[in-house]
Amino acid sequence: MIYKGKKFPLSRAGGLRRYDVGNLLFIEQYPKKETESAARARKGARIMWIIDTKWNKYLVRVEDGKITRLRNEPWSK
């Protein structure tokens, strides 16, 4: 992944693809969880979460190319 001209390597955690970009974690949905998002992932939806690791907050969900902002904090604009 290239962000602001800097390359970030793909890594894996528990078999899930992820990128660590500063305070942000980009990680795919874990399909074995008992959530609605995981059920959609099991049916083939491609879901990625963007998490602020400094504040441990989910900021964005990207599902099949559709972006959903989860927080409306001043620092997440």
N, C-alpha and C. Protein backbone atom coordinates (compact mmCIF):
# COMPACT_ATOMS: atom_id res chain seq x y z
N MET A 1 0.86 -1.16 0.00
CA MET A 1 0.00 0.00 0.00
C MET A 1 0.90 1.23 0.00
N ILE A 2 0.54 2.22 -0.80
CA ILE A 2 1.28 3.48 -0.82
C ILE A 2 0.35 4.57 -0.32
N TYR A 3 0.80 5.29 0.69
CA TYR A 3 0.02 6.36 1.31
C TYR A 3 0.92 7.56 1.47
N LYS A 4 0.51 8.69 0.88
CA LYS A 4 1.29 9.93 0.92
C LYS A 4 2.73 9.70 0.48
N GLY A 5 2.88 8.89 -0.57
CA GLY A 5 4.19 8.65 -1.16
C GLY A 5 5.07 7.66 -0.42
N LYS A 6 4.58 7.10 0.68
CA LYS A 6 5.36 6.15 1.46
C LYS A 6 4.75 4.76 1.32
N LYS A 7 5.59 3.75 1.15
CA LYS A 7 5.12 2.38 0.97
C LYS A 7 5.01 1.67 2.32
N PHE A 8 3.89 0.99 2.53
CA PHE A 8 3.65 0.23 3.74
C PHE A 8 3.42 -1.23 3.36
N PRO A 9 4.17 -2.15 3.97
CA PRO A 9 4.05 -3.56 3.58
C PRO A 9 2.78 -4.21 4.13
N LEU A 10 2.30 -5.17 3.38
CA LEU A 10 1.19 -6.00 3.82
C LEU A 10 1.72 -6.98 4.86
N SER A 11 0.99 -7.13 5.95
CA SER A 11 1.36 -8.15 6.94
C SER A 11 0.11 -8.97 7.24
N ARG A 12 0.29 -9.98 8.04
CA ARG A 12 -0.83 -10.84 8.41
C ARG A 12 -0.88 -10.98 9.93
N ALA A 13 -2.11 -11.01 10.43
CA ALA A 13 -2.32 -11.23 11.87
C ALA A 13 -3.47 -12.22 11.98
N GLY A 14 -3.19 -13.39 12.49
CA GLY A 14 -4.22 -14.41 12.60
C GLY A 14 -4.81 -14.79 11.25
N GLY A 15 -4.01 -14.67 10.20
CA GLY A 15 -4.47 -14.99 8.86
C GLY A 15 -5.14 -13.84 8.13
N LEU A 16 -5.39 -12.73 8.83
CA LEU A 16 -6.03 -11.58 8.22
C LEU A 16 -4.99 -10.64 7.63
N ARG A 17 -5.30 -10.09 6.45
CA ARG A 17 -4.41 -9.11 5.84
C ARG A 17 -4.58 -7.77 6.54
N ARG A 18 -3.45 -7.08 6.72
CA ARG A 18 -3.48 -5.79 7.41
C ARG A 18 -2.33 -4.91 6.97
N TYR A 19 -2.56 -3.61 7.11
CA TYR A 19 -1.53 -2.59 6.90
C TYR A 19 -1.51 -1.73 8.14
N ASP A 20 -0.32 -1.44 8.63
CA ASP A 20 -0.15 -0.49 9.73
C ASP A 20 0.43 0.78 9.15
N VAL A 21 -0.33 1.87 9.25
CA VAL A 21 0.07 3.16 8.69
C VAL A 21 0.01 4.19 9.81
N GLY A 22 1.14 4.41 10.46
CA GLY A 22 1.15 5.34 11.59
C GLY A 22 0.19 4.87 12.67
N ASN A 23 -0.77 5.75 13.04
CA ASN A 23 -1.77 5.40 14.06
C ASN A 23 -2.94 4.63 13.48
N LEU A 24 -2.93 4.37 12.18
CA LEU A 24 -4.06 3.72 11.56
C LEU A 24 -3.76 2.26 11.24
N LEU A 25 -4.75 1.42 11.48
CA LEU A 25 -4.69 0.01 11.14
C LEU A 25 -5.78 -0.26 10.11
N PHE A 26 -5.39 -0.79 8.96
CA PHE A 26 -6.32 -1.21 7.92
C PHE A 26 -6.35 -2.73 7.98
N ILE A 27 -7.50 -3.31 8.32
CA ILE A 27 -7.55 -4.77 8.50
C ILE A 27 -8.86 -5.32 7.94
N GLU A 28 -8.76 -6.50 7.32
CA GLU A 28 -9.96 -7.10 6.76
C GLU A 28 -10.82 -7.72 7.86
N GLN A 29 -12.10 -7.89 7.54
CA GLN A 29 -13.05 -8.48 8.49
C GLN A 29 -12.69 -9.93 8.78
N TYR A 30 -12.73 -10.31 10.04
CA TYR A 30 -12.51 -11.70 10.46
C TYR A 30 -13.83 -12.45 10.25
N PRO A 31 -13.89 -13.37 9.32
CA PRO A 31 -15.17 -14.00 8.96
C PRO A 31 -15.72 -14.97 10.00
N LYS A 32 -14.94 -15.39 10.97
CA LYS A 32 -15.41 -16.38 11.95
C LYS A 32 -16.08 -15.75 13.16
N LYS A 33 -16.11 -14.41 13.23
CA LYS A 33 -16.79 -13.75 14.35
C LYS A 33 -18.30 -13.95 14.22
N GLU A 34 -18.99 -13.75 15.31
CA GLU A 34 -20.45 -13.86 15.31
C GLU A 34 -21.07 -12.47 15.22
N THR A 35 -20.80 -11.78 14.10
CA THR A 35 -21.36 -10.45 13.87
C THR A 35 -22.01 -10.42 12.49
N GLU A 36 -22.83 -9.39 12.28
CA GLU A 36 -23.46 -9.24 10.96
C GLU A 36 -22.41 -9.02 9.88
N SER A 37 -21.39 -8.24 10.19
CA SER A 37 -20.33 -7.98 9.20
C SER A 37 -19.62 -9.27 8.84
N ALA A 38 -19.34 -10.10 9.82
CA ALA A 38 -18.66 -11.37 9.56
C ALA A 38 -19.54 -12.29 8.71
N ALA A 39 -20.84 -12.29 8.98
CA ALA A 39 -21.76 -13.11 8.19
C ALA A 39 -21.74 -12.66 6.73
N ARG A 40 -21.72 -11.34 6.50
CA ARG A 40 -21.65 -10.83 5.13
C ARG A 40 -20.32 -11.21 4.48
N ALA A 41 -19.23 -11.18 5.27
CA ALA A 41 -17.92 -11.57 4.74
C ALA A 41 -17.92 -13.05 4.36
N ARG A 42 -18.57 -13.88 5.15
CA ARG A 42 -18.65 -15.30 4.82
C ARG A 42 -19.42 -15.53 3.52
N LYS A 43 -20.35 -14.63 3.22
CA LYS A 43 -21.14 -14.74 1.98
C LYS A 43 -20.42 -14.09 0.79
N GLY A 44 -19.22 -13.56 1.02
CA GLY A 44 -18.43 -13.03 -0.09
C GLY A 44 -18.21 -11.54 -0.09
N ALA A 45 -18.81 -10.79 0.83
CA ALA A 45 -18.57 -9.35 0.90
C ALA A 45 -17.11 -9.09 1.27
N ARG A 46 -16.53 -8.08 0.68
CA ARG A 46 -15.16 -7.69 1.02
C ARG A 46 -15.24 -6.51 1.97
N ILE A 47 -14.83 -6.73 3.21
CA ILE A 47 -14.98 -5.73 4.27
C ILE A 47 -13.62 -5.43 4.88
N MET A 48 -13.33 -4.14 5.00
CA MET A 48 -12.10 -3.69 5.65
C MET A 48 -12.47 -2.63 6.67
N TRP A 49 -11.77 -2.65 7.77
CA TRP A 49 -11.96 -1.66 8.84
C TRP A 49 -10.72 -0.79 8.92
N ILE A 50 -10.92 0.49 9.22
CA ILE A 50 -9.81 1.40 9.51
C ILE A 50 -9.97 1.81 10.96
N ILE A 51 -8.94 1.50 11.75
CA ILE A 51 -8.99 1.69 13.20
C ILE A 51 -7.88 2.65 13.62
N ASP A 52 -8.23 3.61 14.46
CA ASP A 52 -7.23 4.51 15.05
C ASP A 52 -6.65 3.77 16.25
N THR A 53 -5.41 3.34 16.13
CA THR A 53 -4.80 2.52 17.20
C THR A 53 -4.40 3.35 18.41
N LYS A 54 -4.23 4.65 18.24
CA LYS A 54 -3.89 5.50 19.39
C LYS A 54 -5.08 5.59 20.34
N TRP A 55 -6.28 5.76 19.78
CA TRP A 55 -7.49 5.94 20.60
C TRP A 55 -8.33 4.67 20.64
N ASN A 56 -7.91 3.61 19.91
CA ASN A 56 -8.65 2.35 19.84
C ASN A 56 -10.10 2.57 19.41
N LYS A 57 -10.26 3.31 18.30
CA LYS A 57 -11.58 3.64 17.78
C LYS A 57 -11.70 3.16 16.33
N TYR A 58 -12.82 2.54 16.02
CA TYR A 58 -13.12 2.19 14.64
C TYR A 58 -13.57 3.48 13.94
N LEU A 59 -12.90 3.85 12.84
CA LEU A 59 -13.20 5.09 12.14
C LEU A 59 -14.05 4.89 10.90
N VAL A 60 -13.70 3.84 10.13
CA VAL A 60 -14.32 3.65 8.82
C VAL A 60 -14.51 2.17 8.55
N ARG A 61 -15.61 1.85 7.83
CA ARG A 61 -15.80 0.51 7.29
C ARG A 61 -15.89 0.68 5.77
N VAL A 62 -15.15 -0.13 5.05
CA VAL A 62 -15.24 -0.16 3.59
C VAL A 62 -15.78 -1.53 3.22
N GLU A 63 -16.95 -1.54 2.61
CA GLU A 63 -17.59 -2.80 2.25
C GLU A 63 -17.92 -2.79 0.77
N ASP A 64 -17.26 -3.66 0.04
CA ASP A 64 -17.45 -3.76 -1.41
C ASP A 64 -17.32 -2.39 -2.07
N GLY A 65 -16.36 -1.60 -1.62
CA GLY A 65 -16.07 -0.29 -2.20
C GLY A 65 -16.88 0.86 -1.62
N LYS A 66 -17.87 0.58 -0.79
CA LYS A 66 -18.68 1.64 -0.17
C LYS A 66 -18.05 2.03 1.16
N ILE A 67 -17.79 3.32 1.33
CA ILE A 67 -17.14 3.83 2.54
C ILE A 67 -18.20 4.35 3.50
N THR A 68 -18.13 3.87 4.76
CA THR A 68 -19.03 4.33 5.81
C THR A 68 -18.21 4.88 6.95
N ARG A 69 -18.34 6.18 7.21
CA ARG A 69 -17.66 6.80 8.35
C ARG A 69 -18.40 6.42 9.62
N LEU A 70 -17.68 5.91 10.60
CA LEU A 70 -18.28 5.44 11.85
C LEU A 70 -18.20 6.45 12.97
N ARG A 71 -17.29 7.41 12.84
CA ARG A 71 -17.11 8.41 13.88
C ARG A 71 -17.08 9.77 13.24
N ASN A 72 -17.55 10.76 13.94
CA ASN A 72 -17.54 12.12 13.43
C ASN A 72 -16.81 13.02 14.42
N GLU A 73 -15.62 12.60 14.79
CA GLU A 73 -14.79 13.36 15.72
C GLU A 73 -13.99 14.39 14.93
N PRO A 74 -13.65 15.51 15.54
CA PRO A 74 -12.85 16.52 14.83
C PRO A 74 -11.54 15.97 14.26
N TRP A 75 -10.91 15.03 14.97
CA TRP A 75 -9.64 14.49 14.52
C TRP A 75 -9.80 13.45 13.43
N SER A 76 -11.04 13.05 13.11
CA SER A 76 -11.23 12.03 12.08
C SER A 76 -11.74 12.61 10.77
N LYS A 77 -11.81 13.95 10.66
CA LYS A 77 -12.29 14.57 9.42
C LYS A 77 -11.21 14.60 8.38
